[in-house]
Amino acid sequence: MEKGTDEKAELLMEKAEALTTRLEAELAFRFLGRHVSDLLRGDEDRKLNILDVGSGVGEASLRFAALGHRVTLLEPQACLLETAMERAREQALDRTADLRFINERVENLEACLEEDFDLILCHETIEYVDDPLKALNIITRVLRPRGLLSLVFLNRYGLIMEKVLKEGNVREALDAFDMEEFTTPLHKGKGHLYSDIEMRALLEPLGYNIEGEYGLLVFSEYIDCSLFEPGQCFKGMLELEERAGSEPHLKYVGKYTQLICSKS
């Protein structure tokens, strides 16, 4: 059952401020940065027009704003968008960067924006929309040819690992091999579940080329931060996760999958 509005807002904020959420955002930014560098090659001073769909508190997109790019944050949850605005003010980005904050759903994107983008971030969003294919079609229409889409979603195989290693629930792990939805205390109480192959099947008819695939949070759900020296947990996990997330033998069991896609 979906939580009440106040309780859901509290859960959203708690998740947004968690160490693993910050770690995930930093990893996604680093992995994406490799491809953005290719996009800018020969024109490093170019300012990209970036859209963050389901921006949350702006963990990833505000990093791009700090680099001087034009960024639009689209977020349906007002409490998260307000926090993103506050973070931008704290970093003085509201005075130095071209930033827009829009409290809206991706389904209504084209009604509130009439422009296209060089880079679109869609992190932990696509699995929660009612019609993922419709949302991807809308995103595709506003992405410029040869533009990049960074897609982060809950990974079916990462969920299987979590059910076994963290919860010790073999029955639910077996069910996760075939189930189409996962339960969540957020949104409408459920979300769509994908493997990388299933997500690629949605993207292929839309004319995308997969430029990179990474695993996010391969080990961090299972690490006890008390084993680190004070203040060293984030740094230690980041080093491990950045290596594991691009390692072919490990990236496919990350909690999240990141696909970097270019539009034909």
C-alpha atoms as a PDB file:
ATOM      1  CA  MET A   1       0.000   0.000   0.000  1.00  0.00           C
ATOM      2  CA  GLU A   2       1.266   3.468  -0.871  1.00  0.00           C
ATOM      3  CA  LYS A   3       2.298   5.643   2.037  1.00  0.00           C
ATOM      4  CA  GLY A   4       0.532   8.894   2.977  1.00  0.00           C
ATOM      5  CA  THR A   5       1.863  12.152   1.516  1.00  0.00           C
ATOM      6  CA  ASP A   6       3.793  13.262   4.612  1.00  0.00           C
ATOM      7  CA  GLU A   7       5.217   9.820   5.275  1.00  0.00           C
ATOM      8  CA  LYS A   8       6.204   9.405   1.647  1.00  0.00           C
ATOM      9  CA  ALA A   9       7.938  12.798   1.632  1.00  0.00           C
ATOM     10  CA  GLU A  10       9.868  11.785   4.750  1.00  0.00           C
ATOM     11  CA  LEU A  11      10.928   8.496   3.137  1.00  0.00           C
ATOM     12  CA  LEU A  12      11.971  10.279  -0.053  1.00  0.00           C
ATOM     13  CA  MET A  13      14.118  12.736   1.872  1.00  0.00           C
ATOM     14  CA  GLU A  14      15.646   9.965   3.999  1.00  0.00           C
ATOM     15  CA  LYS A  15      16.577   8.042   0.863  1.00  0.00           C
ATOM     16  CA  ALA A  16      17.929  11.170  -0.870  1.00  0.00           C
ATOM     17  CA  GLU A  17      20.271  11.891   2.042  1.00  0.00           C
ATOM     18  CA  ALA A  18      21.532   8.307   2.503  1.00  0.00           C
ATOM     19  CA  LEU A  19      25.233   7.611   1.995  1.00  0.00           C
ATOM     20  CA  THR A  20      24.526   4.994  -0.683  1.00  0.00           C
ATOM     21  CA  THR A  21      22.369   7.485  -2.618  1.00  0.00           C
ATOM     22  CA  ARG A  22      25.199  10.023  -2.608  1.00  0.00           C
ATOM     23  CA  LEU A  23      27.615   7.288  -3.621  1.00  0.00           C
ATOM     24  CA  GLU A  24      25.352   6.168  -6.461  1.00  0.00           C
ATOM     25  CA  ALA A  25      25.053   9.740  -7.767  1.00  0.00           C
ATOM     26  CA  GLU A  26      28.823  10.274  -7.658  1.00  0.00           C
ATOM     27  CA  LEU A  27      29.450   7.023  -9.521  1.00  0.00           C
ATOM     28  CA  ALA A  28      26.822   7.801 -12.161  1.00  0.00           C
ATOM     29  CA  PHE A  29      28.365  11.254 -12.655  1.00  0.00           C
ATOM     30  CA  ARG A  30      31.865   9.812 -13.020  1.00  0.00           C
ATOM     31  CA  PHE A  31      30.858   7.095 -15.463  1.00  0.00           C
ATOM     32  CA  LEU A  32      28.785   9.559 -17.501  1.00  0.00           C
ATOM     33  CA  GLY A  33      31.648  12.075 -17.479  1.00  0.00           C
ATOM     34  CA  ARG A  34      33.729   9.756 -19.652  1.00  0.00           C
ATOM     35  CA  HIS A  35      31.103   9.956 -22.395  1.00  0.00           C
ATOM     36  CA  VAL A  36      30.403  13.673 -21.985  1.00  0.00           C
ATOM     37  CA  SER A  37      34.110  14.259 -22.594  1.00  0.00           C
ATOM     38  CA  ASP A  38      33.731  12.452 -25.928  1.00  0.00           C
ATOM     39  CA  LEU A  39      30.643  14.539 -26.719  1.00  0.00           C
ATOM     40  CA  LEU A  40      32.622  17.743 -26.109  1.00  0.00           C
ATOM     41  CA  ARG A  41      35.818  16.626 -27.800  1.00  0.00           C
ATOM     42  CA  GLY A  42      37.176  19.477 -29.906  1.00  0.00           C
ATOM     43  CA  ASP A  43      34.765  21.954 -28.304  1.00  0.00           C
ATOM     44  CA  GLU A  44      35.472  21.735 -24.577  1.00  0.00           C
ATOM     45  CA  ASP A  45      34.105  25.244 -23.935  1.00  0.00           C
ATOM     46  CA  ARG A  46      30.673  24.326 -25.261  1.00  0.00           C
ATOM     47  CA  LYS A  47      27.849  24.629 -22.749  1.00  0.00           C
ATOM     48  CA  LEU A  48      25.469  21.701 -22.903  1.00  0.00           C
ATOM     49  CA  ASN A  49      21.712  21.972 -22.522  1.00  0.00           C
ATOM     50  CA  ILE A  50      20.910  19.273 -19.946  1.00  0.00           C
ATOM     51  CA  LEU A  51      17.588  17.902 -18.705  1.00  0.00           C
ATOM     52  CA  ASP A  52      17.337  15.872 -15.488  1.00  0.00           C
ATOM     53  CA  VAL A  53      14.106  13.848 -15.558  1.00  0.00           C
ATOM     54  CA  GLY A  54      13.046  12.865 -12.048  1.00  0.00           C
ATOM     55  CA  SER A  55      15.916  14.923 -10.680  1.00  0.00           C
ATOM     56  CA  GLY A  56      15.339  14.220  -6.999  1.00  0.00           C
ATOM     57  CA  VAL A  57      17.514  16.613  -4.988  1.00  0.00           C
ATOM     58  CA  GLY A  58      19.821  17.216  -7.952  1.00  0.00           C
ATOM     59  CA  GLU A  59      22.735  15.059  -6.828  1.00  0.00           C
ATOM     60  CA  ALA A  60      23.909  14.460 -10.405  1.00  0.00           C
ATOM     61  CA  SER A  61      22.605  17.447 -12.348  1.00  0.00           C
ATOM     62  CA  LEU A  62      23.857  20.140  -9.946  1.00  0.00           C
ATOM     63  CA  ARG A  63      27.360  18.803 -10.573  1.00  0.00           C
ATOM     64  CA  PHE A  64      26.909  19.667 -14.246  1.00  0.00           C
ATOM     65  CA  ALA A  65      25.528  23.090 -13.325  1.00  0.00           C
ATOM     66  CA  ALA A  66      28.680  23.726 -11.284  1.00  0.00           C
ATOM     67  CA  LEU A  67      30.657  23.119 -14.488  1.00  0.00           C
ATOM     68  CA  GLY A  68      28.715  25.898 -16.199  1.00  0.00           C
ATOM     69  CA  HIS A  69      26.227  23.871 -18.239  1.00  0.00           C
ATOM     70  CA  ARG A  70      22.584  24.886 -18.609  1.00  0.00           C
ATOM     71  CA  VAL A  71      20.462  22.524 -16.492  1.00  0.00           C
ATOM     72  CA  THR A  72      16.727  21.949 -16.163  1.00  0.00           C
ATOM     73  CA  LEU A  73      15.533  19.834 -13.221  1.00  0.00           C
ATOM     74  CA  LEU A  74      12.152  18.153 -13.714  1.00  0.00           C
ATOM     75  CA  GLU A  75      10.801  16.570 -10.523  1.00  0.00           C
ATOM     76  CA  PRO A  76       7.193  15.688  -9.577  1.00  0.00           C
ATOM     77  CA  GLN A  77       7.855  15.563  -5.819  1.00  0.00           C
ATOM     78  CA  ALA A  78       7.810  19.129  -4.498  1.00  0.00           C
ATOM     79  CA  CYS A  79       9.826  18.324  -1.338  1.00  0.00           C
ATOM     80  CA  LEU A  80      12.722  16.972  -3.413  1.00  0.00           C
ATOM     81  CA  LEU A  81      12.661  19.876  -5.851  1.00  0.00           C
ATOM     82  CA  GLU A  82      12.654  22.393  -2.993  1.00  0.00           C
ATOM     83  CA  THR A  83      15.692  20.659  -1.510  1.00  0.00           C
ATOM     84  CA  ALA A  84      17.440  20.815  -4.895  1.00  0.00           C
ATOM     85  CA  MET A  85      16.721  24.554  -5.050  1.00  0.00           C
ATOM     86  CA  GLU A  86      18.113  25.011  -1.540  1.00  0.00           C
ATOM     87  CA  ARG A  87      21.262  23.077  -2.434  1.00  0.00           C
ATOM     88  CA  ALA A  88      21.714  25.258  -5.509  1.00  0.00           C
ATOM     89  CA  ARG A  89      21.439  28.363  -3.321  1.00  0.00           C
ATOM     90  CA  GLU A  90      23.933  26.955  -0.806  1.00  0.00           C
ATOM     91  CA  GLN A  91      26.396  26.391  -3.647  1.00  0.00           C
ATOM     92  CA  ALA A  92      25.598  29.843  -5.114  1.00  0.00           C
ATOM     93  CA  LEU A  93      24.587  28.081  -8.333  1.00  0.00           C
ATOM     94  CA  ASP A  94      21.363  30.053  -8.533  1.00  0.00           C
ATOM     95  CA  ARG A  95      23.472  33.163  -9.220  1.00  0.00           C
ATOM     96  CA  THR A  96      26.213  31.670 -11.397  1.00  0.00           C
ATOM     97  CA  ALA A  97      24.493  28.971 -13.459  1.00  0.00           C
ATOM     98  CA  ASP A  98      21.569  28.775 -15.876  1.00  0.00           C
ATOM     99  CA  LEU A  99      19.196  26.650 -13.793  1.00  0.00           C
ATOM    100  CA  ARG A 100      15.490  25.896 -14.009  1.00  0.00           C
ATOM    101  CA  PHE A 101      13.370  23.923 -11.558  1.00  0.00           C
ATOM    102  CA  ILE A 102      10.079  22.474 -12.819  1.00  0.00           C
ATOM    103  CA  ASN A 103       7.624  20.620 -10.566  1.00  0.00           C
ATOM    104  CA  GLU A 104       6.153  18.272 -13.172  1.00  0.00           C
ATOM    105  CA  ARG A 105       6.008  14.673 -14.379  1.00  0.00           C
ATOM    106  CA  VAL A 106       7.855  13.436 -17.459  1.00  0.00           C
ATOM    107  CA  GLU A 107       4.514  12.627 -19.122  1.00  0.00           C
ATOM    108  CA  ASN A 108       3.810  16.387 -19.201  1.00  0.00           C
ATOM    109  CA  LEU A 109       7.296  17.407 -20.310  1.00  0.00           C
ATOM    110  CA  GLU A 110       6.409  18.572 -23.818  1.00  0.00           C
ATOM    111  CA  ALA A 111       3.569  20.725 -22.517  1.00  0.00           C
ATOM    112  CA  CYS A 112       5.905  22.775 -20.301  1.00  0.00           C
ATOM    113  CA  LEU A 113       9.100  22.863 -22.404  1.00  0.00           C
ATOM    114  CA  GLU A 114       9.566  23.621 -26.086  1.00  0.00           C
ATOM    115  CA  GLU A 115      13.223  22.881 -26.708  1.00  0.00           C
ATOM    116  CA  ASP A 116      15.625  19.989 -27.132  1.00  0.00           C
ATOM    117  CA  PHE A 117      18.634  18.830 -25.138  1.00  0.00           C
ATOM    118  CA  ASP A 118      22.196  17.599 -25.619  1.00  0.00           C
ATOM    119  CA  LEU A 119      22.096  15.356 -22.560  1.00  0.00           C
ATOM    120  CA  ILE A 120      19.206  13.854 -20.603  1.00  0.00           C
ATOM    121  CA  LEU A 121      19.577  12.227 -17.199  1.00  0.00           C
ATOM    122  CA  CYS A 122      16.880   9.751 -16.206  1.00  0.00           C
ATOM    123  CA  HIS A 123      18.129   8.218 -12.967  1.00  0.00           C
ATOM    124  CA  GLU A 124      15.883   5.955 -10.895  1.00  0.00           C
ATOM    125  CA  THR A 125      12.806   7.256 -12.678  1.00  0.00           C
ATOM    126  CA  ILE A 126      11.870   5.044 -15.616  1.00  0.00           C
ATOM    127  CA  GLU A 127      10.963   2.096 -13.377  1.00  0.00           C
ATOM    128  CA  TYR A 128       8.325   4.179 -11.586  1.00  0.00           C
ATOM    129  CA  VAL A 129       6.382   5.759 -14.467  1.00  0.00           C
ATOM    130  CA  ASP A 130       3.036   4.219 -15.421  1.00  0.00           C
ATOM    131  CA  ASP A 131       3.992   3.769 -19.073  1.00  0.00           C
ATOM    132  CA  PRO A 132       7.790   3.411 -19.496  1.00  0.00           C
ATOM    133  CA  LEU A 133       7.648   3.207 -23.291  1.00  0.00           C
ATOM    134  CA  LYS A 134       5.610   6.416 -23.494  1.00  0.00           C
ATOM    135  CA  ALA A 135       8.098   8.165 -21.207  1.00  0.00           C
ATOM    136  CA  LEU A 136      11.044   6.962 -23.297  1.00  0.00           C
ATOM    137  CA  ASN A 137       9.354   8.173 -26.470  1.00  0.00           C
ATOM    138  CA  ILE A 138       8.877  11.640 -24.953  1.00  0.00           C
ATOM    139  CA  ILE A 139      12.513  11.726 -23.815  1.00  0.00           C
ATOM    140  CA  THR A 140      13.663  10.642 -27.270  1.00  0.00           C
ATOM    141  CA  ARG A 141      11.695  13.392 -28.999  1.00  0.00           C
ATOM    142  CA  VAL A 142      13.383  16.136 -26.954  1.00  0.00           C
ATOM    143  CA  LEU A 143      16.905  14.670 -27.231  1.00  0.00           C
ATOM    144  CA  ARG A 144      18.981  16.069 -30.072  1.00  0.00           C
ATOM    145  CA  PRO A 145      20.458  13.722 -32.690  1.00  0.00           C
ATOM    146  CA  ARG A 146      23.758  12.311 -31.365  1.00  0.00           C
ATOM    147  CA  GLY A 147      22.748  13.497 -27.907  1.00  0.00           C
ATOM    148  CA  LEU A 148      23.250  11.311 -24.841  1.00  0.00           C
ATOM    149  CA  LEU A 149      20.755   9.669 -22.506  1.00  0.00           C
ATOM    150  CA  SER A 150      21.971   8.429 -19.119  1.00  0.00           C
ATOM    151  CA  LEU A 151      19.499   5.863 -17.833  1.00  0.00           C
ATOM    152  CA  VAL A 152      19.807   4.444 -14.297  1.00  0.00           C
ATOM    153  CA  PHE A 153      17.349   1.796 -13.112  1.00  0.00           C
ATOM    154  CA  LEU A 154      16.981  -0.898 -10.463  1.00  0.00           C
ATOM    155  CA  ASN A 155      18.712  -4.019 -11.740  1.00  0.00           C
ATOM    156  CA  ARG A 156      16.852  -7.329 -11.652  1.00  0.00           C
ATOM    157  CA  TYR A 157      20.043  -9.286 -10.953  1.00  0.00           C
ATOM    158  CA  GLY A 158      21.139  -6.849  -8.279  1.00  0.00           C
ATOM    159  CA  LEU A 159      17.769  -7.380  -6.563  1.00  0.00           C
ATOM    160  CA  ILE A 160      18.306 -11.146  -6.695  1.00  0.00           C
ATOM    161  CA  MET A 161      21.715 -10.695  -5.028  1.00  0.00           C
ATOM    162  CA  GLU A 162      20.203  -8.454  -2.361  1.00  0.00           C
ATOM    163  CA  LYS A 163      17.443 -10.954  -1.586  1.00  0.00           C
ATOM    164  CA  VAL A 164      20.014 -13.687  -1.027  1.00  0.00           C
ATOM    165  CA  LEU A 165      22.953 -11.867   0.594  1.00  0.00           C
ATOM    166  CA  LYS A 166      21.229  -9.122   2.600  1.00  0.00           C
ATOM    167  CA  GLU A 167      17.852 -10.650   3.381  1.00  0.00           C
ATOM    168  CA  GLY A 168      18.636 -14.371   3.164  1.00  0.00           C
ATOM    169  CA  ASN A 169      15.342 -14.865   1.325  1.00  0.00           C
ATOM    170  CA  VAL A 170      15.900 -17.573  -1.268  1.00  0.00           C
ATOM    171  CA  ARG A 171      12.202 -17.822  -2.190  1.00  0.00           C
ATOM    172  CA  GLU A 172      11.945 -14.141  -3.103  1.00  0.00           C
ATOM    173  CA  ALA A 173      15.276 -14.338  -4.924  1.00  0.00           C
ATOM    174  CA  LEU A 174      13.892 -17.118  -7.122  1.00  0.00           C
ATOM    175  CA  ASP A 175      10.711 -15.118  -7.759  1.00  0.00           C
ATOM    176  CA  ALA A 176      12.771 -12.092  -8.847  1.00  0.00           C
ATOM    177  CA  PHE A 177      14.111 -13.982 -11.861  1.00  0.00           C
ATOM    178  CA  ASP A 178      10.699 -13.709 -13.532  1.00  0.00           C
ATOM    179  CA  MET A 179       8.653 -11.010 -11.808  1.00  0.00           C
ATOM    180  CA  GLU A 180       7.687  -7.869 -13.698  1.00  0.00           C
ATOM    181  CA  GLU A 181       7.246  -5.554 -10.699  1.00  0.00           C
ATOM    182  CA  PHE A 182       8.908  -4.923  -7.347  1.00  0.00           C
ATOM    183  CA  THR A 183       7.290  -3.557  -4.198  1.00  0.00           C
ATOM    184  CA  THR A 184       8.327  -0.217  -2.738  1.00  0.00           C
ATOM    185  CA  PRO A 185       7.039   2.059   0.055  1.00  0.00           C
ATOM    186  CA  LEU A 186       7.299   4.959  -2.406  1.00  0.00           C
ATOM    187  CA  HIS A 187       5.379   6.080  -5.485  1.00  0.00           C
ATOM    188  CA  LYS A 188       2.324   3.823  -5.993  1.00  0.00           C
ATOM    189  CA  GLY A 189       3.721   0.930  -4.010  1.00  0.00           C
ATOM    190  CA  LYS A 190       5.321  -0.808  -6.974  1.00  0.00           C
ATOM    191  CA  GLY A 191       7.742  -0.306  -9.824  1.00  0.00           C
ATOM    192  CA  HIS A 192       8.721  -2.030 -13.062  1.00  0.00           C
ATOM    193  CA  LEU A 193      11.656  -4.438 -12.823  1.00  0.00           C
ATOM    194  CA  TYR A 194      14.211  -4.804 -15.630  1.00  0.00           C
ATOM    195  CA  SER A 195      17.426  -6.511 -16.518  1.00  0.00           C
ATOM    196  CA  ASP A 196      19.835  -4.709 -18.827  1.00  0.00           C
ATOM    197  CA  ILE A 197      18.674  -6.946 -21.701  1.00  0.00           C
ATOM    198  CA  GLU A 198      15.032  -6.041 -21.082  1.00  0.00           C
ATOM    199  CA  MET A 199      15.834  -2.330 -21.001  1.00  0.00           C
ATOM    200  CA  ARG A 200      17.883  -2.587 -24.181  1.00  0.00           C
ATOM    201  CA  ALA A 201      14.852  -4.160 -25.866  1.00  0.00           C
ATOM    202  CA  LEU A 202      12.811  -1.054 -25.000  1.00  0.00           C
ATOM    203  CA  LEU A 203      15.515   1.295 -26.273  1.00  0.00           C
ATOM    204  CA  GLU A 204      16.440  -0.446 -29.529  1.00  0.00           C
ATOM    205  CA  PRO A 205      13.286   0.493 -31.525  1.00  0.00           C
ATOM    206  CA  LEU A 206      13.813   4.134 -30.529  1.00  0.00           C
ATOM    207  CA  GLY A 207      17.126   4.320 -32.385  1.00  0.00           C
ATOM    208  CA  TYR A 208      19.638   4.312 -29.537  1.00  0.00           C
ATOM    209  CA  ASN A 209      23.177   2.981 -29.550  1.00  0.00           C
ATOM    210  CA  ILE A 210      24.501   1.758 -26.197  1.00  0.00           C
ATOM    211  CA  GLU A 211      27.814   3.540 -25.626  1.00  0.00           C
ATOM    212  CA  GLY A 212      28.472   2.238 -22.117  1.00  0.00           C
ATOM    213  CA  GLU A 213      27.027   0.034 -19.384  1.00  0.00           C
ATOM    214  CA  TYR A 214      27.974   0.237 -15.707  1.00  0.00           C
ATOM    215  CA  GLY A 215      26.934  -1.314 -12.410  1.00  0.00           C
ATOM    216  CA  LEU A 216      26.174   0.997  -9.490  1.00  0.00           C
ATOM    217  CA  LEU A 217      26.462  -0.195  -5.873  1.00  0.00           C
ATOM    218  CA  VAL A 218      27.873  -3.653  -6.511  1.00  0.00           C
ATOM    219  CA  PHE A 219      29.089  -4.112  -2.920  1.00  0.00           C
ATOM    220  CA  SER A 220      27.943  -1.135  -0.860  1.00  0.00           C
ATOM    221  CA  GLU A 221      24.665  -2.641   0.332  1.00  0.00           C
ATOM    222  CA  TYR A 222      26.679  -5.347   2.087  1.00  0.00           C
ATOM    223  CA  ILE A 223      29.484  -3.276   3.641  1.00  0.00           C
ATOM    224  CA  ASP A 224      29.554  -2.291   7.315  1.00  0.00           C
ATOM    225  CA  CYS A 225      30.814   1.303   7.501  1.00  0.00           C
ATOM    226  CA  SER A 226      31.913   0.770  11.107  1.00  0.00           C
ATOM    227  CA  LEU A 227      34.816  -1.278   9.731  1.00  0.00           C
ATOM    228  CA  PHE A 228      36.328   1.893   8.240  1.00  0.00           C
ATOM    229  CA  GLU A 229      38.279   4.589   9.995  1.00  0.00           C
ATOM    230  CA  PRO A 230      36.028   7.561  10.900  1.00  0.00           C
ATOM    231  CA  GLY A 231      35.107   9.531   7.791  1.00  0.00           C
ATOM    232  CA  GLN A 232      36.713   7.017   5.411  1.00  0.00           C
ATOM    233  CA  CYS A 233      33.711   4.861   4.473  1.00  0.00           C
ATOM    234  CA  PHE A 234      32.520   6.942   1.501  1.00  0.00           C
ATOM    235  CA  LYS A 235      36.026   7.307   0.092  1.00  0.00           C
ATOM    236  CA  GLY A 236      36.802   3.619   0.478  1.00  0.00           C
ATOM    237  CA  MET A 237      33.531   2.464  -1.062  1.00  0.00           C
ATOM    238  CA  LEU A 238      33.828   4.942  -3.924  1.00  0.00           C
ATOM    239  CA  GLU A 239      37.214   3.568  -4.931  1.00  0.00           C
ATOM    240  CA  LEU A 240      35.932  -0.010  -4.793  1.00  0.00           C
ATOM    241  CA  GLU A 241      32.651   0.731  -6.582  1.00  0.00           C
ATOM    242  CA  GLU A 242      34.229   2.722  -9.399  1.00  0.00           C
ATOM    243  CA  ARG A 243      36.453  -0.237 -10.195  1.00  0.00           C
ATOM    244  CA  ALA A 244      33.711  -2.844  -9.792  1.00  0.00           C
ATOM    245  CA  GLY A 245      31.109  -0.862 -11.742  1.00  0.00           C
ATOM    246  CA  SER A 246      33.035  -1.103 -14.993  1.00  0.00           C
ATOM    247  CA  GLU A 247      34.429  -4.617 -14.433  1.00  0.00           C
ATOM    248  CA  PRO A 248      32.643  -7.015 -16.850  1.00  0.00           C
ATOM    249  CA  HIS A 249      32.521  -9.833 -14.302  1.00  0.00           C
ATOM    250  CA  LEU A 250      30.923  -7.675 -11.584  1.00  0.00           C
ATOM    251  CA  LYS A 251      28.898  -4.835 -13.109  1.00  0.00           C
ATOM    252  CA  TYR A 252      25.915  -7.002 -13.982  1.00  0.00           C
ATOM    253  CA  VAL A 253      25.046  -7.602 -10.319  1.00  0.00           C
ATOM    254  CA  GLY A 254      25.106  -3.969  -9.177  1.00  0.00           C
ATOM    255  CA  LYS A 255      21.987  -2.766  -7.388  1.00  0.00           C
ATOM    256  CA  TYR A 256      21.459  -0.346 -10.280  1.00  0.00           C
ATOM    257  CA  THR A 257      22.406  -0.434 -13.945  1.00  0.00           C
ATOM    258  CA  GLN A 258      23.520   2.672 -15.814  1.00  0.00           C
ATOM    259  CA  LEU A 259      23.176   2.677 -19.599  1.00  0.00           C
ATOM    260  CA  ILE A 260      24.755   5.530 -21.565  1.00  0.00           C
ATOM    261  CA  CYS A 261      22.904   5.753 -24.870  1.00  0.00           C
ATOM    262  CA  SER A 262      23.436   7.928 -27.947  1.00  0.00           C
ATOM    263  CA  LYS A 263      20.567   8.875 -30.211  1.00  0.00           C
ATOM    264  CA  SER A 264      21.057   8.039 -33.881  1.00  0.00           C
END
